[in-house]
C-alpha atoms as a PDB file:
ATOM      1  CA  MET A   1      15.727  -1.615   7.436  1.00  0.00           C
ATOM      2  CA  ALA A   2      15.523  -4.534   4.857  1.00  0.00           C
ATOM      3  CA  VAL A   3      12.512  -4.080   2.467  1.00  0.00           C
ATOM      4  CA  HIS A   4      10.665  -7.277   1.689  1.00  0.00           C
ATOM      5  CA  ASP A   5       7.283  -5.826   0.927  1.00  0.00           C
ATOM      6  CA  ILE A   6       5.922  -2.645  -0.459  1.00  0.00           C
ATOM      7  CA  ASP A   7       2.429  -1.565   0.438  1.00  0.00           C
ATOM      8  CA  PHE A   8       0.202   0.857  -1.616  1.00  0.00           C
ATOM      9  CA  LEU A   9      -3.174   2.229  -0.498  1.00  0.00           C
ATOM     10  CA  ILE A  10      -5.132   2.907  -3.764  1.00  0.00           C
ATOM     11  CA  PRO A  11      -8.724   3.616  -4.643  1.00  0.00           C
ATOM     12  CA  GLU A  12     -10.862   0.538  -4.834  1.00  0.00           C
ATOM     13  CA  ASN A  13     -11.877   1.156  -8.398  1.00  0.00           C
ATOM     14  CA  THR A  14      -8.092   0.672  -9.461  1.00  0.00           C
ATOM     15  CA  PHE A  15      -8.061  -3.071  -8.601  1.00  0.00           C
ATOM     16  CA  GLU A  16      -9.815  -4.091 -11.884  1.00  0.00           C
ATOM     17  CA  LYS A  17      -7.186  -2.150 -14.012  1.00  0.00           C
ATOM     18  CA  ILE A  18      -4.356  -3.766 -12.234  1.00  0.00           C
ATOM     19  CA  ILE A  19      -5.608  -7.241 -12.276  1.00  0.00           C
ATOM     20  CA  LYS A  20      -6.187  -6.924 -16.048  1.00  0.00           C
ATOM     21  CA  ALA A  21      -2.585  -5.777 -16.629  1.00  0.00           C
ATOM     22  CA  LEU A  22      -1.358  -8.534 -14.411  1.00  0.00           C
ATOM     23  CA  LYS A  23      -3.321 -11.167 -16.403  1.00  0.00           C
ATOM     24  CA  LYS A  24      -2.040  -9.603 -19.734  1.00  0.00           C
ATOM     25  CA  LYS A  25       1.472 -10.033 -18.544  1.00  0.00           C
ATOM     26  CA  LYS A  26       0.804 -13.423 -16.991  1.00  0.00           C
ATOM     27  CA  ILE A  27       1.949 -12.367 -13.604  1.00  0.00           C
ATOM     28  CA  SER A  28       0.501 -14.361 -10.695  1.00  0.00           C
ATOM     29  CA  TYR A  29      -1.438 -12.529  -7.835  1.00  0.00           C
ATOM     30  CA  ASN A  30      -3.715 -13.049  -4.974  1.00  0.00           C
ATOM     31  CA  TYR A  31      -6.815 -10.964  -4.585  1.00  0.00           C
ATOM     32  CA  SER A  32      -8.980 -10.992  -1.358  1.00  0.00           C
ATOM     33  CA  GLU A  33     -12.355  -9.612  -1.817  1.00  0.00           C
ATOM     34  CA  GLU A  34     -12.931  -9.963   1.879  1.00  0.00           C
ATOM     35  CA  TRP A  35      -9.890  -7.893   2.836  1.00  0.00           C
ATOM     36  CA  GLN A  36      -9.917  -5.630  -0.136  1.00  0.00           C
ATOM     37  CA  THR A  37      -6.250  -6.579  -0.908  1.00  0.00           C
ATOM     38  CA  LEU A  38      -4.270  -7.593  -4.031  1.00  0.00           C
ATOM     39  CA  GLN A  39      -0.939  -9.124  -3.592  1.00  0.00           C
ATOM     40  CA  VAL A  40       1.887  -9.645  -6.166  1.00  0.00           C
ATOM     41  CA  PHE A  41       4.788 -11.832  -5.408  1.00  0.00           C
ATOM     42  CA  LYS A  42       8.377 -12.190  -6.931  1.00  0.00           C
ATOM     43  CA  GLY A  43      10.908 -14.029  -5.056  1.00  0.00           C
ATOM     44  CA  ASP A  44      10.962 -12.796  -1.534  1.00  0.00           C
ATOM     45  CA  LEU A  45       9.491  -9.391  -2.470  1.00  0.00           C
ATOM     46  CA  LYS A  46       5.691  -8.741  -2.052  1.00  0.00           C
ATOM     47  CA  ILE A  47       3.912  -5.795  -3.457  1.00  0.00           C
ATOM     48  CA  GLU A  48       0.430  -5.311  -1.798  1.00  0.00           C
ATOM     49  CA  PHE A  49      -2.270  -2.968  -2.968  1.00  0.00           C
ATOM     50  CA  ASP A  50      -4.822  -2.152  -0.318  1.00  0.00           C
ATOM     51  CA  SER A  51      -8.164  -0.395  -0.705  1.00  0.00           C
ATOM     52  CA  VAL A  52      -7.955   3.099   0.719  1.00  0.00           C
ATOM     53  CA  ASP A  53     -11.903   2.979   0.591  1.00  0.00           C
ATOM     54  CA  PHE A  54     -11.743   0.065   3.065  1.00  0.00           C
ATOM     55  CA  TRP A  55      -8.507   0.632   5.147  1.00  0.00           C
ATOM     56  CA  GLN A  56      -7.775   3.932   6.752  1.00  0.00           C
ATOM     57  CA  LYS A  57     -10.802   5.501   5.273  1.00  0.00           C
ATOM     58  CA  ASP A  58     -11.186   7.929   8.297  1.00  0.00           C
ATOM     59  CA  LEU A  59      -7.870   9.659   7.433  1.00  0.00           C
ATOM     60  CA  PRO A  60      -7.577  12.431   4.795  1.00  0.00           C
ATOM     61  CA  HIS A  61      -5.420  11.320   1.875  1.00  0.00           C
ATOM     62  CA  ASP A  62      -3.280  13.089  -0.765  1.00  0.00           C
ATOM     63  CA  PHE A  63      -2.554  10.929  -3.833  1.00  0.00           C
ATOM     64  CA  GLU A  64       0.428  10.602  -6.117  1.00  0.00           C
ATOM     65  CA  ASP A  65       0.697   8.763  -9.558  1.00  0.00           C
ATOM     66  CA  PHE A  66       2.963   5.769  -9.728  1.00  0.00           C
ATOM     67  CA  ASP A  67       4.010   4.296 -13.088  1.00  0.00           C
ATOM     68  CA  PHE A  68       4.025   0.460 -13.227  1.00  0.00           C
ATOM     69  CA  ASP A  69       5.554  -0.137 -16.610  1.00  0.00           C
ATOM     70  CA  GLY A  70       3.114   2.290 -18.277  1.00  0.00           C
ATOM     71  CA  LEU A  71       0.112   1.512 -15.964  1.00  0.00           C
ATOM     72  CA  ILE A  72      -0.495   4.668 -13.842  1.00  0.00           C
ATOM     73  CA  VAL A  73      -1.928   4.033 -10.386  1.00  0.00           C
ATOM     74  CA  LYS A  74      -2.887   6.593  -7.937  1.00  0.00           C
ATOM     75  CA  ALA A  75      -1.626   5.731  -4.381  1.00  0.00           C
ATOM     76  CA  VAL A  76      -1.395   7.709  -1.111  1.00  0.00           C
ATOM     77  CA  SER A  77       1.381  10.200  -0.884  1.00  0.00           C
ATOM     78  CA  LEU A  78       4.354   9.893   1.490  1.00  0.00           C
ATOM     79  CA  ASN A  79       2.771  12.573   3.846  1.00  0.00           C
ATOM     80  CA  SER A  80      -0.485  10.443   3.878  1.00  0.00           C
ATOM     81  CA  LEU A  81       1.639   7.339   4.450  1.00  0.00           C
ATOM     82  CA  LYS A  82       3.405   8.907   7.495  1.00  0.00           C
ATOM     83  CA  ALA A  83       0.084   9.861   9.015  1.00  0.00           C
ATOM     84  CA  ILE A  84      -1.271   6.444   8.523  1.00  0.00           C
ATOM     85  CA  TYR A  85       1.722   4.715  10.313  1.00  0.00           C
ATOM     86  CA  LYS A  86       1.609   7.417  13.054  1.00  0.00           C
ATOM     87  CA  ARG A  87      -2.071   6.638  13.616  1.00  0.00           C
ATOM     88  CA  ALA A  88      -1.556   2.988  13.580  1.00  0.00           C
ATOM     89  CA  SER A  89       1.282   3.210  16.083  1.00  0.00           C
ATOM     90  CA  GLU A  90      -1.234   4.770  18.467  1.00  0.00           C
ATOM     91  CA  VAL A  91      -4.245   2.529  18.022  1.00  0.00           C
ATOM     92  CA  SER A  92      -2.857  -0.771  16.697  1.00  0.00           C
ATOM     93  CA  LYS A  93      -3.421  -3.565  18.986  1.00  0.00           C
ATOM     94  CA  ASP A  94      -1.355  -6.134  17.149  1.00  0.00           C
ATOM     95  CA  ASN A  95       1.815  -4.205  16.052  1.00  0.00           C
ATOM     96  CA  PRO A  96       2.061  -0.649  17.598  1.00  0.00           C
ATOM     97  CA  HIS A  97       5.880  -0.836  17.859  1.00  0.00           C
ATOM     98  CA  GLY A  98       6.303  -2.009  14.312  1.00  0.00           C
ATOM     99  CA  ASN A  99       4.131   0.849  13.003  1.00  0.00           C
ATOM    100  CA  LEU A 100       5.932   3.301  15.039  1.00  0.00           C
ATOM    101  CA  LYS A 101       9.335   2.069  13.617  1.00  0.00           C
ATOM    102  CA  LYS A 102       7.976   2.417  10.063  1.00  0.00           C
ATOM    103  CA  PHE A 103       6.702   5.952  10.859  1.00  0.00           C
ATOM    104  CA  GLU A 104      10.060   6.999  12.269  1.00  0.00           C
ATOM    105  CA  VAL A 105      11.809   5.718   9.144  1.00  0.00           C
ATOM    106  CA  LEU A 106       9.565   7.446   6.867  1.00  0.00           C
ATOM    107  CA  LYS A 107      10.019  10.721   8.818  1.00  0.00           C
ATOM    108  CA  LYS A 108      13.768  10.435   8.520  1.00  0.00           C
ATOM    109  CA  ILE A 109      13.783   9.755   4.765  1.00  0.00           C
ATOM    110  CA  SER A 110      11.421  12.593   4.021  1.00  0.00           C
ATOM    111  CA  LYS A 111      13.386  15.387   5.601  1.00  0.00           C
END
Protein backbone atom coordinates (compact mmCIF):
# COMPACT_ATOMS: atom_id res chain seq x y z
CA MET A 1 0.00 0.00 0.00
CA ALA A 2 1.51 3.34 -1.04
CA VAL A 3 1.27 5.99 1.66
CA HIS A 4 0.32 9.48 0.50
CA ASP A 5 -1.36 10.75 3.60
CA ILE A 6 -0.98 10.28 7.31
CA ASP A 7 -3.93 10.94 9.59
CA PHE A 8 -3.80 11.66 13.29
CA LEU A 9 -6.74 11.97 15.66
CA ILE A 10 -5.75 14.45 18.34
CA PRO A 11 -7.43 16.38 21.14
CA GLU A 12 -9.03 19.61 19.89
CA ASN A 13 -7.00 21.81 22.23
CA THR A 14 -3.80 20.71 20.45
CA PHE A 15 -4.59 22.52 17.18
CA GLU A 16 -3.50 25.92 18.50
CA LYS A 17 -0.10 24.56 19.57
CA ILE A 18 0.49 22.91 16.17
CA ILE A 19 -0.60 26.00 14.21
CA LYS A 20 1.74 28.16 16.27
CA ALA A 21 4.67 25.82 15.49
CA LEU A 22 3.77 25.72 11.77
CA LYS A 23 3.67 29.52 11.60
CA LYS A 24 7.01 29.79 13.41
CA LYS A 25 8.61 27.43 10.86
CA LYS A 26 6.76 29.13 7.96
CA ILE A 27 5.06 25.88 6.94
CA SER A 28 1.80 26.30 5.05
CA TYR A 29 -1.34 24.57 6.25
CA ASN A 30 -5.11 24.53 5.84
CA TYR A 31 -7.38 24.63 8.88
CA SER A 32 -11.11 23.99 8.65
CA GLU A 33 -13.00 25.10 11.71
CA GLU A 34 -16.17 23.57 10.26
CA TRP A 35 -14.61 20.09 9.90
CA GLN A 36 -12.17 20.39 12.83
CA THR A 37 -9.28 19.41 10.55
CA LEU A 38 -5.74 20.72 10.09
CA GLN A 39 -3.89 19.70 6.91
CA VAL A 40 -0.18 20.10 6.18
CA PHE A 41 1.17 19.38 2.67
CA LYS A 42 4.63 18.62 1.31
CA GLY A 43 4.85 17.43 -2.28
CA ASP A 44 2.35 14.59 -2.67
CA LEU A 45 2.35 13.84 1.07
CA LYS A 46 -0.44 15.13 3.29
CA ILE A 47 -0.51 15.03 7.07
CA GLU A 48 -3.96 15.56 8.47
CA PHE A 49 -4.82 16.21 12.10
CA ASP A 50 -8.47 15.56 12.96
CA SER A 51 -10.16 16.42 16.23
CA VAL A 52 -10.91 13.32 18.28
CA ASP A 53 -13.44 15.51 20.11
CA PHE A 54 -15.38 15.96 16.83
CA TRP A 55 -14.67 12.75 14.87
CA GLN A 56 -15.05 9.27 16.38
CA LYS A 57 -15.98 10.74 19.75
CA ASP A 58 -18.19 7.74 20.57
CA LEU A 59 -15.26 5.30 20.69
CA PRO A 60 -12.89 4.98 23.66
CA HIS A 61 -9.35 6.09 22.82
CA ASP A 62 -5.86 5.39 24.10
CA PHE A 63 -3.29 8.05 23.31
CA GLU A 64 0.42 7.98 22.51
CA ASP A 65 2.91 10.84 22.29
CA PHE A 66 4.32 11.70 18.87
CA ASP A 67 7.36 13.96 18.49
CA PHE A 68 7.23 16.42 15.59
CA ASP A 69 10.65 18.06 15.71
CA GLY A 70 10.37 18.67 19.43
CA LEU A 71 6.63 19.42 19.45
CA ILE A 72 4.97 16.61 21.40
CA VAL A 73 1.44 15.83 20.23
CA LYS A 74 -0.92 13.28 21.74
CA ALA A 75 -2.66 11.14 19.11
CA VAL A 76 -4.75 7.99 19.21
CA SER A 77 -2.78 4.78 19.60
CA LEU A 78 -2.49 2.05 16.99
CA ASN A 79 -5.07 -0.05 18.86
CA SER A 80 -7.52 2.86 18.85
CA LEU A 81 -6.85 3.48 15.18
CA LYS A 82 -7.63 -0.17 14.38
CA ALA A 83 -10.93 0.11 16.27
CA ILE A 84 -11.79 3.30 14.36
CA TYR A 85 -11.18 1.74 10.93
CA LYS A 86 -13.03 -1.43 11.92
CA ARG A 87 -16.05 0.64 12.98
CA ALA A 88 -15.80 2.81 9.86
CA SER A 89 -15.79 -0.30 7.65
CA GLU A 90 -19.05 -1.36 9.28
CA VAL A 91 -20.94 1.95 9.24
CA SER A 92 -19.37 4.03 6.44
CA LYS A 93 -21.68 4.85 3.57
CA ASP A 94 -19.00 6.38 1.33
CA ASN A 95 -15.95 4.08 1.74
CA PRO A 96 -16.60 0.86 3.68
CA HIS A 97 -14.22 -1.24 1.54
CA GLY A 98 -11.37 1.30 1.79
CA ASN A 99 -11.76 1.45 5.56
CA LEU A 100 -11.81 -2.35 5.79
CA LYS A 101 -8.61 -2.51 3.72
CA LYS A 102 -6.89 -0.05 6.07
CA PHE A 103 -8.11 -2.03 9.09
CA GLU A 104 -6.70 -5.26 7.61
CA VAL A 105 -3.32 -3.62 6.91
CA LEU A 106 -3.15 -2.23 10.46
CA LYS A 107 -4.01 -5.68 11.85
CA LYS A 108 -1.14 -7.25 9.90
CA ILE A 109 1.52 -4.72 10.89
CA SER A 110 0.64 -4.79 14.57
CA LYS A 111 1.08 -8.53 15.09
